[in-house]
Protein backbone atom coordinates (compact mmCIF):
# COMPACT_ATOMS: atom_id res chain seq x y z
CA UNK A 1 8.24 -25.29 12.21
CA UNK A 2 5.01 -24.65 10.26
CA UNK A 3 4.37 -21.44 8.36
CA UNK A 4 1.39 -20.59 10.62
CA UNK A 5 3.73 -20.54 13.62
CA UNK A 6 6.32 -18.50 11.74
CA UNK A 7 3.65 -16.03 10.60
CA UNK A 8 2.49 -15.51 14.19
CA UNK A 9 6.08 -14.97 15.32
CA UNK A 10 6.47 -12.31 12.62
CA UNK A 11 3.29 -10.62 13.89
CA UNK A 12 4.67 -10.61 17.42
CA UNK A 13 7.97 -9.09 16.28
CA UNK A 14 6.19 -6.35 14.31
CA UNK A 15 3.93 -5.53 17.27
CA UNK A 16 7.03 -5.16 19.44
CA UNK A 17 8.73 -2.90 16.87
CA UNK A 18 5.61 -0.73 16.64
CA UNK A 19 5.44 -0.49 20.44
CA UNK A 20 9.09 0.56 20.66
CA UNK A 21 8.63 3.09 17.84
CA UNK A 22 5.63 4.83 19.38
CA UNK A 23 6.20 4.44 23.12
CA UNK A 24 9.95 4.20 23.73
CA UNK A 25 11.70 5.84 20.79
CA UNK A 26 10.30 9.38 21.40
CA UNK A 27 11.88 9.31 24.88
CA UNK A 28 15.32 8.08 23.82
CA UNK A 29 15.84 9.50 20.33
CA UNK A 30 18.05 12.27 21.76
CA UNK A 31 20.62 9.59 22.64
CA UNK A 32 21.02 8.60 18.97
CA UNK A 33 21.05 11.97 17.22
CA UNK A 34 24.39 11.33 15.49
CA UNK A 35 23.05 8.11 13.94
CA UNK A 36 19.81 9.52 12.52
CA UNK A 37 19.51 11.56 9.34
CA UNK A 38 17.96 15.06 9.71
CA UNK A 39 14.31 15.21 8.64
CA UNK A 40 11.74 17.80 7.70
CA UNK A 41 9.93 18.94 10.83
CA UNK A 42 6.61 19.00 8.99
CA UNK A 43 6.41 16.05 6.55
CA UNK A 44 9.23 13.95 8.16
CA UNK A 45 10.99 13.22 4.85
CA UNK A 46 14.68 12.32 5.10
CA UNK A 47 17.24 14.81 3.85
CA UNK A 48 18.86 11.90 1.99
CA UNK A 49 15.97 11.74 -0.47
CA UNK A 50 17.22 13.17 -3.78
CA UNK A 51 16.39 16.85 -4.37
CA UNK A 52 15.24 17.34 -0.78
CA UNK A 53 16.83 20.39 0.86
CA UNK A 54 16.19 21.41 4.45
CA UNK A 55 16.05 25.08 5.41
CA UNK A 56 15.29 26.05 9.02
CA UNK A 57 13.87 22.58 9.59
CA UNK A 58 11.50 22.58 6.61
CA UNK A 59 12.09 20.83 3.31
CA UNK A 60 11.78 22.55 -0.05
CA UNK A 61 8.84 20.28 -0.94
CA UNK A 62 6.79 21.49 2.03
CA UNK A 63 7.71 25.08 1.26
CA UNK A 64 6.58 24.66 -2.36
CA UNK A 65 3.38 22.93 -1.23
CA UNK A 66 2.63 25.77 1.18
CA UNK A 67 3.22 28.38 -1.52
CA UNK A 68 0.59 26.71 -3.71
CA UNK A 69 -2.07 26.78 -0.99
CA UNK A 70 -3.59 30.14 -1.82
CA UNK A 71 -7.29 30.91 -1.45
CA UNK A 72 -8.12 30.69 -5.15
CA UNK A 73 -6.47 27.30 -5.50
CA UNK A 74 -8.22 26.00 -2.39
CA UNK A 75 -11.60 27.05 -3.79
CA UNK A 76 -10.81 25.29 -7.08
CA UNK A 77 -9.57 22.22 -5.21
CA UNK A 78 -12.72 22.00 -3.09
CA UNK A 79 -14.94 22.29 -6.17
CA UNK A 80 -12.90 19.58 -7.93
CA UNK A 81 -13.30 17.21 -4.99
CA UNK A 82 -17.02 17.98 -4.72
CA UNK A 83 -17.40 17.26 -8.45
CA UNK A 84 -15.66 13.90 -8.08
CA UNK A 85 -17.74 12.98 -5.03
CA UNK A 86 -20.95 13.79 -6.90
CA UNK A 87 -19.88 11.75 -9.93
CA UNK A 88 -18.87 8.79 -7.76
CA UNK A 89 -22.14 8.91 -5.84
CA UNK A 90 -24.12 8.77 -9.07
CA UNK A 91 -21.95 5.99 -10.48
CA UNK A 92 -22.43 3.78 -7.43
CA UNK A 93 -26.17 4.45 -7.31
CA UNK A 94 -26.46 3.60 -10.99
CA UNK A 95 -24.83 0.23 -10.33
CA UNK A 96 -26.88 -0.75 -7.28
CA UNK A 97 -28.51 -4.10 -8.03
CA UNK A 98 -27.72 -3.60 -11.74
CA UNK A 99 -24.79 -5.98 -12.22
CA UNK A 100 -24.96 -8.49 -15.03
CA UNK A 101 -24.51 -11.36 -12.61
CA UNK A 102 -24.59 -11.99 -8.85
CA UNK A 103 -22.47 -8.94 -7.90
CA UNK A 104 -22.32 -5.25 -8.80
CA UNK A 105 -18.79 -4.61 -7.52
CA UNK A 106 -15.64 -6.47 -6.54
CA UNK A 107 -13.98 -4.86 -3.51
CA UNK A 108 -10.20 -5.36 -3.23
CA UNK A 109 -10.24 -5.87 0.51
CA UNK A 110 -6.87 -5.93 2.26
CA UNK A 111 -8.15 -5.75 5.83
CA UNK A 112 -6.13 -2.57 6.40
CA UNK A 113 -7.62 0.68 7.69
CA UNK A 114 -8.34 2.31 4.33
CA UNK A 115 -10.08 -0.70 2.79
CA UNK A 116 -12.09 -1.28 5.99
CA UNK A 117 -13.24 2.35 6.00
CA UNK A 118 -14.16 2.16 2.30
CA UNK A 119 -16.21 -0.99 2.88
CA UNK A 120 -17.95 0.50 5.91
CA UNK A 121 -18.99 3.57 3.95
CA UNK A 122 -20.15 1.54 0.95
CA UNK A 123 -22.36 -0.59 3.17
CA UNK A 124 -23.82 2.47 4.87
CA UNK A 125 -24.39 4.73 1.85
CA UNK A 126 -25.11 2.14 -0.87
CA UNK A 127 -26.96 -0.72 0.84
CA UNK A 128 -28.26 -2.18 -2.42
CA UNK A 129 -24.79 -2.41 -4.01
CA UNK A 130 -24.07 -6.13 -4.16
CA UNK A 131 -20.47 -6.57 -3.07
CA UNK A 132 -17.99 -9.39 -3.37
CA UNK A 133 -14.86 -8.95 -1.24
CA UNK A 134 -11.55 -10.26 -2.56
CA UNK A 135 -8.51 -10.73 -0.32
CA UNK A 136 -5.17 -12.21 -1.31
CA UNK A 137 -3.27 -14.88 0.55
CA UNK A 138 0.05 -15.04 -1.22
CA UNK A 139 1.96 -16.70 1.60
CA UNK A 140 3.46 -13.37 2.74
CA UNK A 141 0.30 -11.46 3.54
CA UNK A 142 -0.13 -9.98 7.00
CA UNK A 143 -1.72 -12.59 9.26
CA UNK A 144 -3.44 -9.81 11.20
CA UNK A 145 -4.93 -8.25 8.06
CA UNK A 146 -6.01 -11.61 6.65
CA UNK A 147 -7.71 -12.68 9.89
CA UNK A 148 -9.33 -9.28 10.26
CA UNK A 149 -10.61 -9.35 6.66
CA UNK A 150 -12.29 -12.71 7.27
CA UNK A 151 -13.84 -11.52 10.55
CA UNK A 152 -15.21 -8.30 9.04
CA UNK A 153 -16.67 -10.10 6.02
CA UNK A 154 -18.43 -12.55 8.32
CA UNK A 155 -19.64 -9.78 10.64
CA UNK A 156 -21.12 -7.80 7.74
CA UNK A 157 -22.45 -11.01 6.14
CA UNK A 158 -20.80 -10.32 2.77
CA UNK A 159 -19.59 -12.71 0.11
CA UNK A 160 -15.82 -13.04 0.46
CA UNK A 161 -13.17 -14.95 -1.44
CA UNK A 162 -9.58 -15.37 -0.29
CA UNK A 163 -7.64 -15.78 -3.52
CA UNK A 164 -4.58 -17.97 -3.11
CA UNK A 165 -2.53 -18.17 -6.30
CA UNK A 166 0.17 -20.76 -6.73
CA UNK A 167 2.78 -20.10 -4.02
CA UNK A 168 5.49 -20.01 -6.68
CA UNK A 169 4.08 -16.82 -8.27
CA UNK A 170 4.69 -14.41 -5.38
CA UNK A 171 7.74 -16.30 -4.18
CA UNK A 172 9.26 -15.83 -7.63
CA UNK A 173 8.27 -12.15 -7.59
CA UNK A 174 9.86 -11.46 -4.21
CA UNK A 175 12.98 -13.53 -4.80
CA UNK A 176 13.75 -11.76 -8.09
CA UNK A 177 12.87 -8.21 -7.08
CA UNK A 178 14.58 -8.31 -3.67
CA UNK A 179 17.81 -9.36 -5.36
CA UNK A 180 17.51 -6.60 -7.97
CA UNK A 181 16.36 -3.52 -6.04
CA UNK A 182 19.49 -1.48 -6.86
CA UNK A 183 19.26 2.30 -6.54
CA UNK A 184 15.55 2.59 -7.43
CA UNK A 185 14.57 1.43 -3.97
CA UNK A 186 12.07 -1.23 -3.02
CA UNK A 187 9.02 1.04 -3.44
CA UNK A 188 9.49 1.34 -7.20
CA UNK A 189 10.52 -2.30 -7.63
CA UNK A 190 9.32 -4.89 -5.11
CA UNK A 191 6.23 -3.00 -3.93
CA UNK A 192 5.21 -1.82 -7.39
CA UNK A 193 5.16 -5.34 -8.84
CA UNK A 194 3.46 -6.78 -5.77
CA UNK A 195 0.74 -4.12 -5.56
CA UNK A 196 0.14 -4.07 -9.31
CA UNK A 197 -0.22 -7.85 -9.47
CA UNK A 198 -2.82 -7.72 -6.68
CA UNK A 199 -4.82 -5.20 -8.70
CA UNK A 200 -4.46 -7.21 -11.90
CA UNK A 201 -5.75 -10.37 -10.23
CA UNK A 202 -8.83 -8.37 -9.25
CA UNK A 203 -9.31 -7.13 -12.81
CA UNK A 204 -9.12 -10.66 -14.22
CA UNK A 205 -11.53 -12.07 -11.65
CA UNK A 206 -14.05 -9.28 -12.27
CA UNK A 207 -13.70 -9.82 -16.03
CA UNK A 208 -14.25 -13.57 -15.74
CA UNK A 209 -17.22 -13.17 -13.37
CA UNK A 210 -18.71 -10.28 -15.37
CA UNK A 211 -18.57 -7.82 -12.45
CA UNK A 212 -18.76 -4.23 -13.75
CA UNK A 213 -16.84 -2.40 -10.98
CA UNK A 214 -13.57 -3.02 -9.13
CA UNK A 215 -13.22 -0.85 -6.01
CA UNK A 216 -9.90 -0.25 -4.25
CA UNK A 217 -8.87 1.59 -1.05
CA UNK A 218 -5.89 3.33 -2.68
CA UNK A 219 -5.80 6.92 -1.46
CA UNK A 220 -5.03 10.22 -3.14
CA UNK A 221 -1.32 10.52 -2.45
CA UNK A 222 -0.63 6.88 -3.36
CA UNK A 223 -2.38 7.20 -6.70
CA UNK A 224 -0.77 10.56 -7.46
CA UNK A 225 2.69 9.04 -7.00
CA UNK A 226 1.97 5.66 -8.61
CA UNK A 227 -0.08 6.74 -11.64
CA UNK A 228 0.42 10.52 -11.80
CA UNK A 229 -3.27 11.33 -11.72
CA UNK A 230 -5.74 12.26 -8.99
CA UNK A 231 -9.05 11.18 -10.49
CA UNK A 232 -11.23 8.57 -8.79
CA UNK A 233 -11.71 6.50 -11.95
CA UNK A 234 -8.96 4.88 -14.00
CA UNK A 235 -9.24 5.94 -17.67
CA UNK A 236 -11.18 3.16 -19.38
CA UNK A 237 -8.88 3.26 -22.39
CA UNK A 238 -6.04 2.21 -20.06
CA UNK A 239 -8.11 -0.76 -18.90
CA UNK A 240 -8.70 -1.78 -22.52
CA UNK A 241 -5.01 -1.88 -23.46
CA UNK A 242 -1.57 -2.88 -22.20
CA UNK A 243 -0.99 0.59 -20.74
CA UNK A 244 -1.03 -0.38 -17.06
CA UNK A 245 1.39 -3.25 -17.58
CA UNK A 246 3.72 -1.12 -19.72
CA UNK A 247 3.67 1.58 -17.04
CA UNK A 248 4.57 -0.91 -14.32
CA UNK A 249 7.46 -2.32 -16.35
CA UNK A 250 8.77 1.12 -17.29
CA UNK A 251 8.78 2.46 -13.72
CA UNK A 252 10.10 -0.67 -12.04
CA UNK A 253 12.72 -1.37 -14.70
CA UNK A 254 11.64 -5.03 -14.82
CA UNK A 255 10.13 -7.04 -17.66
CA UNK A 256 7.72 -9.72 -16.54
CA UNK A 257 9.04 -11.99 -19.29
CA UNK A 258 12.41 -11.99 -17.48
CA UNK A 259 10.82 -13.09 -14.21
CA UNK A 260 7.80 -15.30 -14.79
CA UNK A 261 6.86 -18.35 -16.81
CA UNK A 262 4.60 -17.86 -19.83
CA UNK A 263 1.66 -19.17 -17.81
CA UNK A 264 2.26 -16.83 -14.87
CA UNK A 265 2.69 -13.84 -17.18
CA UNK A 266 -1.00 -14.24 -18.03
CA UNK A 267 -1.86 -13.07 -14.50
CA UNK A 268 -0.74 -9.54 -15.44
CA UNK A 269 -3.63 -7.58 -16.91
CA UNK A 270 -3.59 -6.77 -20.61
CA UNK A 271 -6.92 -5.47 -21.88
CA UNK A 272 -5.92 -5.71 -25.54
CA UNK A 273 -8.51 -7.64 -27.54
CA UNK A 274 -10.78 -8.30 -24.58
CA UNK A 275 -14.55 -7.85 -24.70
CA UNK A 276 -15.04 -4.21 -23.70
CA UNK A 277 -18.53 -4.98 -22.42
CA UNK A 278 -16.96 -7.20 -19.74
CA UNK A 279 -13.92 -5.10 -18.84
CA UNK A 280 -14.58 -3.59 -15.39
CA UNK A 281 -14.21 0.04 -14.40
CA UNK A 282 -11.48 0.56 -11.79
CA UNK A 283 -12.74 2.92 -9.07
CA UNK A 284 -10.84 4.56 -6.20
CA UNK A 285 -13.51 5.99 -3.84
CA UNK A 286 -11.05 7.54 -1.38
CA UNK A 287 -9.83 9.93 -4.09
CA UNK A 288 -13.33 11.39 -4.25
CA UNK A 289 -14.20 11.14 -0.56
CA UNK A 290 -10.88 12.42 0.85
CA UNK A 291 -11.73 11.30 4.40
CA UNK A 292 -10.07 12.81 7.44
CA UNK A 293 -7.57 10.06 8.24
CA UNK A 294 -7.47 11.11 11.86
CA UNK A 295 -11.21 10.60 12.20
CA UNK A 296 -11.31 7.31 10.30
CA UNK A 297 -9.80 5.21 13.08
CA UNK A 298 -12.15 6.62 15.68
CA UNK A 299 -15.15 5.90 13.46
CA UNK A 300 -14.06 2.30 12.85
CA UNK A 301 -13.51 1.77 16.59
CA UNK A 302 -16.96 3.17 17.39
CA UNK A 303 -18.48 0.73 14.91
CA UNK A 304 -16.56 -2.11 16.49
CA UNK A 305 -15.02 -3.02 13.12
CA UNK A 306 -11.31 -2.34 13.52
CA UNK A 307 -9.75 -2.01 17.00
CA UNK A 308 -6.80 0.35 17.28
CA UNK A 309 -4.51 -2.54 18.26
CA UNK A 310 -4.91 -4.06 14.79
CA UNK A 311 -4.87 -0.84 12.74
CA UNK A 312 -1.15 -0.13 12.61
CA UNK A 313 -0.11 0.23 8.94
CA UNK A 314 3.11 -1.70 9.46
CA UNK A 315 1.20 -4.51 11.19
CA UNK A 316 -1.33 -4.92 8.37
CA UNK A 317 1.25 -4.61 5.60
CA UNK A 318 3.17 -7.30 3.75
CA UNK A 319 5.62 -9.43 5.74
CA UNK A 320 8.34 -8.56 3.22
CA UNK A 321 8.23 -4.88 4.24
CA UNK A 322 10.99 -5.26 6.84
CA UNK A 323 13.36 -6.78 4.29
CA UNK A 324 12.52 -4.09 1.75
CA UNK A 325 13.19 -1.34 4.26
CA UNK A 326 16.53 -2.75 5.37
CA UNK A 327 17.63 -3.06 1.73
CA UNK A 328 16.63 0.57 1.15
CA UNK A 329 18.69 1.84 4.09
CA UNK A 330 21.64 -0.17 2.83
CA UNK A 331 21.43 0.88 -0.83
CA UNK A 332 20.04 4.43 -0.87
CA UNK A 333 20.24 5.51 2.77
CA UNK A 334 16.51 6.10 3.36
CA UNK A 335 13.23 4.17 3.14
CA UNK A 336 11.93 4.49 -0.42
CA UNK A 337 8.34 4.71 0.87
CA UNK A 338 9.10 8.08 2.46
CA UNK A 339 8.23 10.32 -0.53
CA UNK A 340 4.72 8.78 -0.69
CA UNK A 341 4.06 9.08 3.03
CA UNK A 342 5.51 12.60 3.19
CA UNK A 343 3.18 13.63 0.37
CA UNK A 344 0.25 12.17 2.27
CA UNK A 345 1.30 14.16 5.35
CA UNK A 346 1.41 17.40 3.32
CA UNK A 347 -2.19 16.74 2.28
CA UNK A 348 -3.08 15.95 5.92
CA UNK A 349 -3.77 12.31 5.08
CA UNK A 350 -1.18 10.80 7.42
CA UNK A 351 0.09 11.26 10.97
CA UNK A 352 3.55 12.92 10.95
CA UNK A 353 4.35 11.90 14.54
CA UNK A 354 3.65 8.22 13.89
CA UNK A 355 5.71 8.09 10.70
CA UNK A 356 8.63 10.12 12.05
CA UNK A 357 8.92 7.57 14.85
CA UNK A 358 8.73 4.64 12.43
CA UNK A 359 11.17 5.97 9.84
CA UNK A 360 13.75 7.09 12.40
CA UNK A 361 13.65 3.79 14.26
CA UNK A 362 13.77 1.82 10.99
CA UNK A 363 16.92 3.71 10.01
CA UNK A 364 18.57 3.04 13.36
CA UNK A 365 17.45 -0.61 13.41
CA UNK A 366 18.82 -1.28 9.93
CA UNK A 367 22.15 0.42 10.62
CA UNK A 368 22.66 -1.18 14.04
CA UNK A 369 21.10 -4.55 13.11
CA UNK A 370 18.55 -4.50 15.92
CA UNK A 371 14.77 -5.09 16.16
CA UNK A 372 14.38 -6.05 12.48
CA UNK A 373 16.76 -9.02 12.46
CA UNK A 374 14.30 -11.73 13.49
CA UNK A 375 11.66 -10.51 11.04
CA UNK A 376 14.16 -10.38 8.19
CA UNK A 377 15.56 -13.82 9.02
CA UNK A 378 12.13 -15.46 9.08
CA UNK A 379 10.92 -13.83 5.86
CA UNK A 380 14.13 -14.66 3.98
CA UNK A 381 13.84 -18.21 5.27
CA UNK A 382 10.35 -18.51 3.77
CA UNK A 383 11.76 -17.24 0.47
CA UNK A 384 14.77 -19.55 0.52
CA UNK A 385 17.13 -16.56 0.45
CA UNK A 386 20.10 -15.53 2.58
CA UNK A 387 21.02 -12.07 3.81
CA UNK A 388 24.03 -12.08 1.50
CA UNK A 389 21.84 -12.76 -1.54
CA UNK A 390 19.84 -9.56 -0.93
CA UNK A 391 22.86 -7.49 0.06
CA UNK A 392 22.26 -7.48 3.80
CA UNK A 393 25.55 -8.91 4.97
CA UNK A 394 26.82 -7.55 8.28
CA UNK A 395 29.05 -4.86 6.76
CA UNK A 396 26.66 -3.82 3.97
CA UNK A 397 24.61 -1.05 5.62
CA UNK A 398 25.24 2.37 4.15
CA UNK A 399 26.23 4.99 6.73
């Protein structure tokens, strides 16, 4: 069976899971109360997350967040966001039609909702900014997101490259990290290396092609958790050193020298000794724009760019996500992505109803070995791994 057929089967299985999560699970969850961990009624975070304490249905993190939301802080926050938006606007205008070569900016374009919204706004507000879209096809990328990225690029008549590195690079990454998740969870291990490598490939391509800006659809909560800062522009001194790579290794607990060949290690960005005139600035527009996530989907539908059917975050995410989630439930008892998504909910950047349904059903599916099995089997088959090798034997799920 060819990989194209397998990829479509994975898409079908994910669509079915998403349908069950949003349409069926809310009606039957009461039947499975004893199997599901209590969650915060506001941000949906699991009570199994370390240092999370529920009191009258609310977690301590939501209570602390609420306590910080006083009038003075809100005024300061609004001014800070306005300052970032003004700076970003000027930066983008200054780069319109000013690139040293064919393009002014490289857009890391996943085909997911955030990157589609970012691209739509760039095209509307900065029509003279010459954009090159870059999408990855690493063999495990969402078929829906990849197809959608190609369609949108063609519809908007933009230059678009689909970067396909040697299949061994990402296969090596996933095989090693999935077998070494341990108690850190897949978010800090598998996902961190995968996401960071995608960024680094963009940095290298922009450097080689002399493109001054790299734009990414990472949002506020993601960046706050991943890099511990909330500014729309990555410090340039970090881009000119090994800082980003060191940070990735420190937080994941992995050394790239233990995983990759010497040649493949060169794919991981190290700005040391590089020509600073060619090193791009890394820009995160959503941190300055702070769009209303609830309104984003409606706007994209009105523009005919991204239909709701193809906008589900779990549908446009990496195929490996199901395996990662099952490993998390087995090793730490909760999905390690929950702290990020709960933080986004606290800042009103995510839908709590949608994610409560997903996280509860994921927990039940992993414990009872339902719904996720076919996805996990197909993805592990592509990686040449067995369930036992990643700790997902029948009696391995943590209760």
